[in-house]
Protein backbone atom coordinates (compact mmCIF):
# COMPACT_ATOMS: atom_id res chain seq x y z
CA MET A 1 -29.98 -21.81 -17.71
CA TRP A 2 -33.02 -20.01 -16.35
CA ARG A 3 -36.88 -20.84 -16.21
CA ARG A 4 -37.74 -17.94 -18.21
CA CYS A 5 -36.23 -14.83 -19.79
CA LEU A 6 -34.70 -12.11 -17.76
CA LEU A 7 -36.22 -8.66 -17.26
CA ALA A 8 -33.34 -6.06 -18.59
CA TRP A 9 -32.73 -5.12 -14.22
CA GLU A 10 -32.61 -8.93 -13.40
CA ASP A 11 -29.79 -9.77 -16.44
CA GLU A 12 -27.77 -6.67 -15.09
CA SER A 13 -27.98 -7.87 -11.65
CA VAL A 14 -27.01 -11.31 -12.72
CA THR A 15 -24.09 -9.82 -14.85
CA GLU A 16 -22.87 -7.73 -12.04
CA CYS A 17 -23.16 -10.79 -9.68
CA SER A 18 -21.04 -12.89 -12.02
CA ALA A 19 -18.29 -10.39 -12.18
CA LEU A 20 -17.87 -10.68 -8.09
CA LEU A 21 -17.71 -14.17 -8.49
CA HIS A 22 -15.19 -14.57 -11.56
CA ASN A 23 -12.25 -15.59 -9.66
CA ILE A 24 -13.92 -17.64 -7.12
CA ILE A 25 -12.40 -20.99 -7.12
CA LEU A 26 -14.23 -23.76 -5.20
CA GLN A 27 -12.00 -26.79 -3.81
CA ASP A 28 -13.64 -30.35 -3.18
CA HIS A 29 -11.38 -31.13 0.14
CA ILE A 30 -12.27 -27.93 1.92
CA ILE A 31 -15.36 -27.25 3.67
CA ASP A 32 -17.23 -24.00 2.31
CA LYS A 33 -19.99 -22.14 4.09
CA TRP A 34 -21.51 -19.38 4.48
CA LYS A 35 -20.83 -17.01 7.81
CA TRP A 36 -23.38 -13.85 8.59
CA LEU A 37 -20.88 -11.20 9.79
CA LEU A 38 -23.73 -9.14 11.23
CA ASP A 39 -24.68 -11.45 13.96
CA PRO A 40 -22.99 -12.68 17.06
CA ILE A 41 -23.49 -16.42 16.44
CA HIS A 42 -23.27 -16.12 12.50
CA VAL A 43 -26.96 -16.65 11.56
CA TYR A 44 -28.61 -14.75 8.80
CA SER A 45 -32.05 -13.22 9.28
CA VAL A 46 -34.01 -11.02 6.96
CA ARG A 47 -34.80 -9.14 10.29
CA GLY A 48 -31.18 -8.45 11.03
CA ALA A 49 -30.31 -7.43 7.36
CA TYR A 50 -33.65 -5.06 7.40
CA GLN A 51 -32.18 -3.37 10.82
CA PHE A 52 -28.68 -2.94 9.54
CA LEU A 53 -29.79 -1.46 6.29
CA THR A 54 -32.11 0.82 7.70
CA ALA A 55 -29.82 2.02 10.91
CA ALA A 56 -29.03 5.61 10.87
CA ASN A 57 -25.53 4.87 11.65
CA ALA A 58 -25.21 1.85 8.97
CA PRO A 59 -21.50 2.56 7.23
CA ILE A 60 -23.28 1.83 3.67
CA ASP A 61 -23.84 3.85 0.80
CA ARG A 62 -27.67 5.54 1.63
CA GLY A 63 -28.69 5.20 -1.71
CA LEU A 64 -28.54 1.27 -1.19
CA ILE A 65 -31.76 1.88 1.19
CA ASP A 66 -34.16 2.56 -1.96
CA ASN A 67 -33.51 -0.90 -2.71
CA VAL A 68 -34.75 -2.35 0.47
CA CYS A 69 -38.57 -2.96 -0.40
CA HIS A 70 -38.09 -3.54 -4.07
CA LYS A 71 -41.37 -3.13 -5.61
CA GLN A 72 -40.68 -4.93 -8.47
CA VAL A 73 -40.25 -8.10 -6.87
CA PRO A 74 -43.12 -10.95 -6.94
CA LEU A 75 -45.56 -11.73 -3.99
């Protein structure tokens, strides 16, 4: 349940995220934790993600760079 009605692009993002996570099963007896594989100590940082996304040799779709600084995100 969302605190407000989602905008069309937000709703589309939620649908995409749900599709990616639909087959994930969490289990009570297994410790679940995130690992950020782009950092040697596995700690996420916005700076590290930005550096990866804007690096000339980053193995990603260069069209994604347009979304790095999404103008529709509120301050």
